Amino acid sequence: MSSMEKIKFTLLILLSGFIISCGFHLRGNQDLSAVLPEVQVLGINKHSELGRDLLRALNNSKVNVLDESATILTITQDNISKRVLSLDSAGRANQYELSYQLGFSLQKIVQSDGEKQQLLDLIAAQRISEKREYLFDANLVLAKSDEVTKLNNDMRQSAILQLLRRLKFSLEAKN
C-alpha cells in the first residue's frame, strides 16, 4: 500500500467514525411501538393501494394493526388531482401538476358505555399535501402514463412517511 493509499484509508476510517459518533443514521422505518403499540385503521379499504401501503408501513414501524383497538387512526381524505400548468403553441396541455391530499386524525376511546363511546383527540384532523410536476408529450403517451403512475405512488409513499413522523412526534410530545 502506498503512502497516499494509507492516507486515504485513514481519512475514510476517521470520517466513518465521525459520522457514526454524531448519531447520523439514514431515515428509515420509524419505531412507533413505544408511543403507539396498537391501532385500528378506519376510513380506507385495506385492499386499496393506500390501505396496503399504510398497513405495511405501520407493521414495519412495529405497530400492531387490529380490527378493534382503543386507539383509532381515521383516514379522512385520499385524493389525487391534476391541473394544467402550461400550454403549447397549439393550445394543448404540455405540463401538469399532480396533487395528493391525505387527511387523518388519531383518537382514543376513553369511555365506552355499551353503544355510546367518548373519544379523545390525540391528534386533531390534519392534512398532508404532496405535489409533483411533469411534462406531457403526445408522442409518448404510454411512457407518460407510466410516469404519472410512478409519481402518484411516490406521492402516496411520501405522505405515508410524513404521517408516521407526525404520529411519532405528536405522541412523543404529549408524553
C-alpha atoms as a PDB file:
ATOM      1  CA  MET A   1       0.000   0.000   0.000  1.00  0.00           C
ATOM      2  CA  SER A   2       1.458   3.376  -0.968  1.00  0.00           C
ATOM      3  CA  SER A   3       1.537   6.248   1.480  1.00  0.00           C
ATOM      4  CA  MET A   4      -1.227   8.047  -0.454  1.00  0.00           C
ATOM      5  CA  GLU A   5      -3.500   4.993  -0.216  1.00  0.00           C
ATOM      6  CA  LYS A   6      -2.762   4.749   3.521  1.00  0.00           C
ATOM      7  CA  ILE A   7      -3.736   8.398   3.980  1.00  0.00           C
ATOM      8  CA  LYS A   8      -6.977   7.908   2.035  1.00  0.00           C
ATOM      9  CA  PHE A   9      -7.806   4.789   4.038  1.00  0.00           C
ATOM     10  CA  THR A  10      -7.086   6.569   7.326  1.00  0.00           C
ATOM     11  CA  LEU A  11      -9.266   9.525   6.305  1.00  0.00           C
ATOM     12  CA  LEU A  12     -12.068   7.164   5.339  1.00  0.00           C
ATOM     13  CA  ILE A  13     -11.909   5.445   8.726  1.00  0.00           C
ATOM     14  CA  LEU A  14     -11.831   8.797  10.557  1.00  0.00           C
ATOM     15  CA  LEU A  15     -14.796  10.197   8.610  1.00  0.00           C
ATOM     16  CA  SER A  16     -16.751   6.999   9.199  1.00  0.00           C
ATOM     17  CA  GLY A  17     -16.024   7.281  12.902  1.00  0.00           C
ATOM     18  CA  PHE A  18     -17.210  10.906  12.994  1.00  0.00           C
ATOM     19  CA  ILE A  19     -20.443  10.075  11.173  1.00  0.00           C
ATOM     20  CA  ILE A  20     -21.193   7.149  13.479  1.00  0.00           C
ATOM     21  CA  SER A  21     -20.313   9.068  16.652  1.00  0.00           C
ATOM     22  CA  CYS A  22     -22.558  12.038  15.820  1.00  0.00           C
ATOM     23  CA  GLY A  23     -25.613   9.757  15.715  1.00  0.00           C
ATOM     24  CA  PHE A  24     -26.229  10.090  11.998  1.00  0.00           C
ATOM     25  CA  HIS A  25     -28.450   7.430  10.512  1.00  0.00           C
ATOM     26  CA  LEU A  26     -30.477   7.164   7.356  1.00  0.00           C
ATOM     27  CA  ARG A  27     -34.179   7.802   7.564  1.00  0.00           C
ATOM     28  CA  GLY A  28     -35.908   4.512   7.572  1.00  0.00           C
ATOM     29  CA  ASN A  29     -38.781   2.947   9.380  1.00  0.00           C
ATOM     30  CA  GLN A  30     -39.990   4.847  12.417  1.00  0.00           C
ATOM     31  CA  ASP A  31     -40.281   2.710  15.548  1.00  0.00           C
ATOM     32  CA  LEU A  32     -43.663   3.769  16.905  1.00  0.00           C
ATOM     33  CA  SER A  33     -44.142   0.853  19.316  1.00  0.00           C
ATOM     34  CA  ALA A  34     -43.304   2.963  22.386  1.00  0.00           C
ATOM     35  CA  VAL A  35     -45.910   5.653  21.632  1.00  0.00           C
ATOM     36  CA  LEU A  36     -48.429   3.671  19.569  1.00  0.00           C
ATOM     37  CA  PRO A  37     -48.348  -0.062  20.349  1.00  0.00           C
ATOM     38  CA  GLU A  38     -51.638  -0.826  18.589  1.00  0.00           C
ATOM     39  CA  VAL A  39     -54.145   0.930  16.369  1.00  0.00           C
ATOM     40  CA  GLN A  40     -57.343   0.362  14.437  1.00  0.00           C
ATOM     41  CA  VAL A  41     -57.410   1.926  10.966  1.00  0.00           C
ATOM     42  CA  LEU A  42     -60.715   3.295   9.658  1.00  0.00           C
ATOM     43  CA  GLY A  43     -61.744   5.195   6.545  1.00  0.00           C
ATOM     44  CA  ILE A  44     -59.918   3.169   3.890  1.00  0.00           C
ATOM     45  CA  ASN A  45     -60.250  -0.145   2.145  1.00  0.00           C
ATOM     46  CA  LYS A  46     -57.423  -2.307   3.465  1.00  0.00           C
ATOM     47  CA  HIS A  47     -57.029  -3.835  -0.010  1.00  0.00           C
ATOM     48  CA  SER A  48     -56.599  -0.498  -1.821  1.00  0.00           C
ATOM     49  CA  GLU A  49     -53.130   0.796  -2.708  1.00  0.00           C
ATOM     50  CA  LEU A  50     -53.208   3.244   0.204  1.00  0.00           C
ATOM     51  CA  GLY A  51     -54.545   0.565   2.543  1.00  0.00           C
ATOM     52  CA  ARG A  52     -51.833  -1.938   1.673  1.00  0.00           C
ATOM     53  CA  ASP A  53     -49.060   0.670   1.818  1.00  0.00           C
ATOM     54  CA  LEU A  54     -50.271   2.147   5.120  1.00  0.00           C
ATOM     55  CA  LEU A  55     -50.693  -1.235   6.814  1.00  0.00           C
ATOM     56  CA  ARG A  56     -47.231  -2.307   5.625  1.00  0.00           C
ATOM     57  CA  ALA A  57     -45.707   0.939   6.918  1.00  0.00           C
ATOM     58  CA  LEU A  58     -47.426   0.586  10.297  1.00  0.00           C
ATOM     59  CA  ASN A  59     -46.300  -3.037  10.613  1.00  0.00           C
ATOM     60  CA  ASN A  60     -42.728  -2.038   9.677  1.00  0.00           C
ATOM     61  CA  SER A  61     -42.952   0.615  12.398  1.00  0.00           C
ATOM     62  CA  LYS A  62     -43.803  -2.120  14.925  1.00  0.00           C
ATOM     63  CA  VAL A  63     -47.426  -1.030  15.367  1.00  0.00           C
ATOM     64  CA  ASN A  64     -49.991  -3.815  15.713  1.00  0.00           C
ATOM     65  CA  VAL A  65     -52.918  -3.097  13.395  1.00  0.00           C
ATOM     66  CA  LEU A  66     -56.026  -4.639  14.922  1.00  0.00           C
ATOM     67  CA  ASP A  67     -59.672  -4.919  13.890  1.00  0.00           C
ATOM     68  CA  GLU A  68     -60.663  -3.373  17.236  1.00  0.00           C
ATOM     69  CA  SER A  69     -58.490  -1.146  19.383  1.00  0.00           C
ATOM     70  CA  ALA A  70     -58.910   1.738  21.812  1.00  0.00           C
ATOM     71  CA  THR A  71     -56.712   3.858  19.521  1.00  0.00           C
ATOM     72  CA  ILE A  72     -58.258   4.719  16.151  1.00  0.00           C
ATOM     73  CA  LEU A  73     -56.441   6.154  13.132  1.00  0.00           C
ATOM     74  CA  THR A  74     -59.052   7.542  10.755  1.00  0.00           C
ATOM     75  CA  ILE A  75     -58.145   8.381   7.173  1.00  0.00           C
ATOM     76  CA  THR A  76     -60.427  11.275   6.254  1.00  0.00           C
ATOM     77  CA  GLN A  77     -59.077  12.135   2.814  1.00  0.00           C
ATOM     78  CA  ASP A  78     -57.252  10.349  -0.002  1.00  0.00           C
ATOM     79  CA  ASN A  79     -57.421  12.434  -3.183  1.00  0.00           C
ATOM     80  CA  ILE A  80     -55.317  12.792  -6.301  1.00  0.00           C
ATOM     81  CA  SER A  81     -55.918  15.713  -8.636  1.00  0.00           C
ATOM     82  CA  LYS A  82     -54.296  17.052 -11.785  1.00  0.00           C
ATOM     83  CA  ARG A  83     -54.201  20.568 -13.206  1.00  0.00           C
ATOM     84  CA  VAL A  84     -52.701  22.099 -16.319  1.00  0.00           C
ATOM     85  CA  LEU A  85     -49.682  24.307 -15.732  1.00  0.00           C
ATOM     86  CA  SER A  86     -48.810  25.314 -19.286  1.00  0.00           C
ATOM     87  CA  LEU A  87     -49.986  25.013 -22.886  1.00  0.00           C
ATOM     88  CA  ASP A  88     -48.055  24.643 -26.127  1.00  0.00           C
ATOM     89  CA  SER A  89     -48.468  26.919 -29.164  1.00  0.00           C
ATOM     90  CA  ALA A  90     -51.442  24.839 -30.402  1.00  0.00           C
ATOM     91  CA  GLY A  91     -53.279  25.241 -27.096  1.00  0.00           C
ATOM     92  CA  ARG A  92     -52.659  21.667 -25.869  1.00  0.00           C
ATOM     93  CA  ALA A  93     -51.538  20.996 -22.340  1.00  0.00           C
ATOM     94  CA  ASN A  94     -47.846  20.173 -22.106  1.00  0.00           C
ATOM     95  CA  GLN A  95     -47.167  20.498 -18.391  1.00  0.00           C
ATOM     96  CA  TYR A  96     -49.262  19.241 -15.478  1.00  0.00           C
ATOM     97  CA  GLU A  97     -49.186  19.401 -11.716  1.00  0.00           C
ATOM     98  CA  LEU A  98     -50.290  16.360  -9.730  1.00  0.00           C
ATOM     99  CA  SER A  99     -51.546  16.905  -6.178  1.00  0.00           C
ATOM    100  CA  TYR A 100     -52.117  14.314  -3.488  1.00  0.00           C
ATOM    101  CA  GLN A 101     -54.021  15.005  -0.274  1.00  0.00           C
ATOM    102  CA  LEU A 102     -54.017  12.627   2.701  1.00  0.00           C
ATOM    103  CA  GLY A 103     -56.156  13.583   5.691  1.00  0.00           C
ATOM    104  CA  PHE A 104     -56.101  11.798   9.038  1.00  0.00           C
ATOM    105  CA  SER A 105     -56.898  12.027  12.731  1.00  0.00           C
ATOM    106  CA  LEU A 106     -55.973   9.887  15.730  1.00  0.00           C
ATOM    107  CA  GLN A 107     -58.429   9.306  18.555  1.00  0.00           C
ATOM    108  CA  LYS A 108     -58.592   7.190  21.673  1.00  0.00           C
ATOM    109  CA  ILE A 109     -61.675   5.648  23.246  1.00  0.00           C
ATOM    110  CA  VAL A 110     -61.652   6.886  26.835  1.00  0.00           C
ATOM    111  CA  GLN A 111     -65.011   5.510  27.940  1.00  0.00           C
ATOM    112  CA  SER A 112     -67.397   3.035  26.388  1.00  0.00           C
ATOM    113  CA  ASP A 113     -70.906   2.544  27.773  1.00  0.00           C
ATOM    114  CA  GLY A 114     -72.492  -0.068  25.540  1.00  0.00           C
ATOM    115  CA  GLU A 115     -73.115   1.700  22.244  1.00  0.00           C
ATOM    116  CA  LYS A 116     -72.024   5.136  23.489  1.00  0.00           C
ATOM    117  CA  GLN A 117     -68.295   5.925  23.240  1.00  0.00           C
ATOM    118  CA  GLN A 118     -66.381   9.007  24.254  1.00  0.00           C
ATOM    119  CA  LEU A 119     -63.410   9.787  22.024  1.00  0.00           C
ATOM    120  CA  LEU A 120     -60.391  11.866  22.939  1.00  0.00           C
ATOM    121  CA  ASP A 121     -58.470  13.528  20.104  1.00  0.00           C
ATOM    122  CA  LEU A 122     -54.828  12.500  20.361  1.00  0.00           C
ATOM    123  CA  ILE A 123     -54.078  14.225  17.046  1.00  0.00           C
ATOM    124  CA  ALA A 124     -56.715  16.563  15.619  1.00  0.00           C
ATOM    125  CA  ALA A 125     -57.634  16.284  11.946  1.00  0.00           C
ATOM    126  CA  GLN A 126     -54.664  17.139   9.735  1.00  0.00           C
ATOM    127  CA  ARG A 127     -53.900  17.067   6.040  1.00  0.00           C
ATOM    128  CA  ILE A 128     -50.692  16.171   4.245  1.00  0.00           C
ATOM    129  CA  SER A 129     -50.160  17.589   0.752  1.00  0.00           C
ATOM    130  CA  GLU A 130     -47.738  16.411  -1.896  1.00  0.00           C
ATOM    131  CA  LYS A 131     -47.213  17.938  -5.356  1.00  0.00           C
ATOM    132  CA  ARG A 132     -45.282  16.851  -8.410  1.00  0.00           C
ATOM    133  CA  GLU A 133     -44.956  18.319 -11.903  1.00  0.00           C
ATOM    134  CA  TYR A 134     -44.416  16.529 -15.180  1.00  0.00           C
ATOM    135  CA  LEU A 135     -44.142  17.367 -18.857  1.00  0.00           C
ATOM    136  CA  PHE A 136     -46.603  15.745 -21.249  1.00  0.00           C
ATOM    137  CA  ASP A 137     -45.654  14.655 -24.755  1.00  0.00           C
ATOM    138  CA  ALA A 138     -48.456  13.369 -27.009  1.00  0.00           C
ATOM    139  CA  ASN A 139     -45.911  11.207 -28.856  1.00  0.00           C
ATOM    140  CA  LEU A 140     -45.028   9.341 -25.641  1.00  0.00           C
ATOM    141  CA  VAL A 141     -48.462   8.668 -24.141  1.00  0.00           C
ATOM    142  CA  LEU A 142     -47.632   5.225 -22.696  1.00  0.00           C
ATOM    143  CA  ALA A 143     -44.376   6.377 -21.156  1.00  0.00           C
ATOM    144  CA  LYS A 144     -46.046   9.435 -19.657  1.00  0.00           C
ATOM    145  CA  SER A 145     -48.837   7.257 -18.278  1.00  0.00           C
ATOM    146  CA  ASP A 146     -46.222   5.130 -16.504  1.00  0.00           C
ATOM    147  CA  GLU A 147     -44.555   8.293 -15.233  1.00  0.00           C
ATOM    148  CA  VAL A 148     -47.865   9.532 -13.774  1.00  0.00           C
ATOM    149  CA  THR A 149     -48.405   6.181 -12.039  1.00  0.00           C
ATOM    150  CA  LYS A 150     -44.906   6.321 -10.548  1.00  0.00           C
ATOM    151  CA  LEU A 151     -45.390   9.923  -9.417  1.00  0.00           C
ATOM    152  CA  ASN A 152     -48.721   9.032  -7.772  1.00  0.00           C
ATOM    153  CA  ASN A 153     -47.075   6.099  -5.948  1.00  0.00           C
ATOM    154  CA  ASP A 154     -44.176   8.321  -4.888  1.00  0.00           C
ATOM    155  CA  MET A 155     -46.527  10.977  -3.506  1.00  0.00           C
ATOM    156  CA  ARG A 156     -48.537   8.355  -1.575  1.00  0.00           C
ATOM    157  CA  GLN A 157     -45.372   6.820  -0.086  1.00  0.00           C
ATOM    158  CA  SER A 158     -44.062  10.242   0.886  1.00  0.00           C
ATOM    159  CA  ALA A 159     -47.391  11.159   2.520  1.00  0.00           C
ATOM    160  CA  ILE A 160     -47.400   7.895   4.498  1.00  0.00           C
ATOM    161  CA  LEU A 161     -43.862   8.594   5.769  1.00  0.00           C
ATOM    162  CA  GLN A 162     -44.964  12.088   6.806  1.00  0.00           C
ATOM    163  CA  LEU A 163     -47.991  10.574   8.550  1.00  0.00           C
ATOM    164  CA  LEU A 164     -45.758   8.205  10.534  1.00  0.00           C
ATOM    165  CA  ARG A 165     -43.395  11.032  11.501  1.00  0.00           C
ATOM    166  CA  ARG A 166     -46.313  13.200  12.619  1.00  0.00           C
ATOM    167  CA  LEU A 167     -47.739  10.345  14.681  1.00  0.00           C
ATOM    168  CA  LYS A 168     -44.395   9.727  16.357  1.00  0.00           C
ATOM    169  CA  PHE A 169     -43.517  13.315  17.174  1.00  0.00           C
ATOM    170  CA  SER A 170     -47.038  14.357  18.205  1.00  0.00           C
ATOM    171  CA  LEU A 171     -47.435  11.388  20.533  1.00  0.00           C
ATOM    172  CA  GLU A 172     -43.932  11.820  21.973  1.00  0.00           C
ATOM    173  CA  ALA A 173     -44.697  15.498  22.661  1.00  0.00           C
ATOM    174  CA  LYS A 174     -47.903  14.538  24.531  1.00  0.00           C
ATOM    175  CA  ASN A 175     -45.994  12.048  26.701  1.00  0.00           C
END
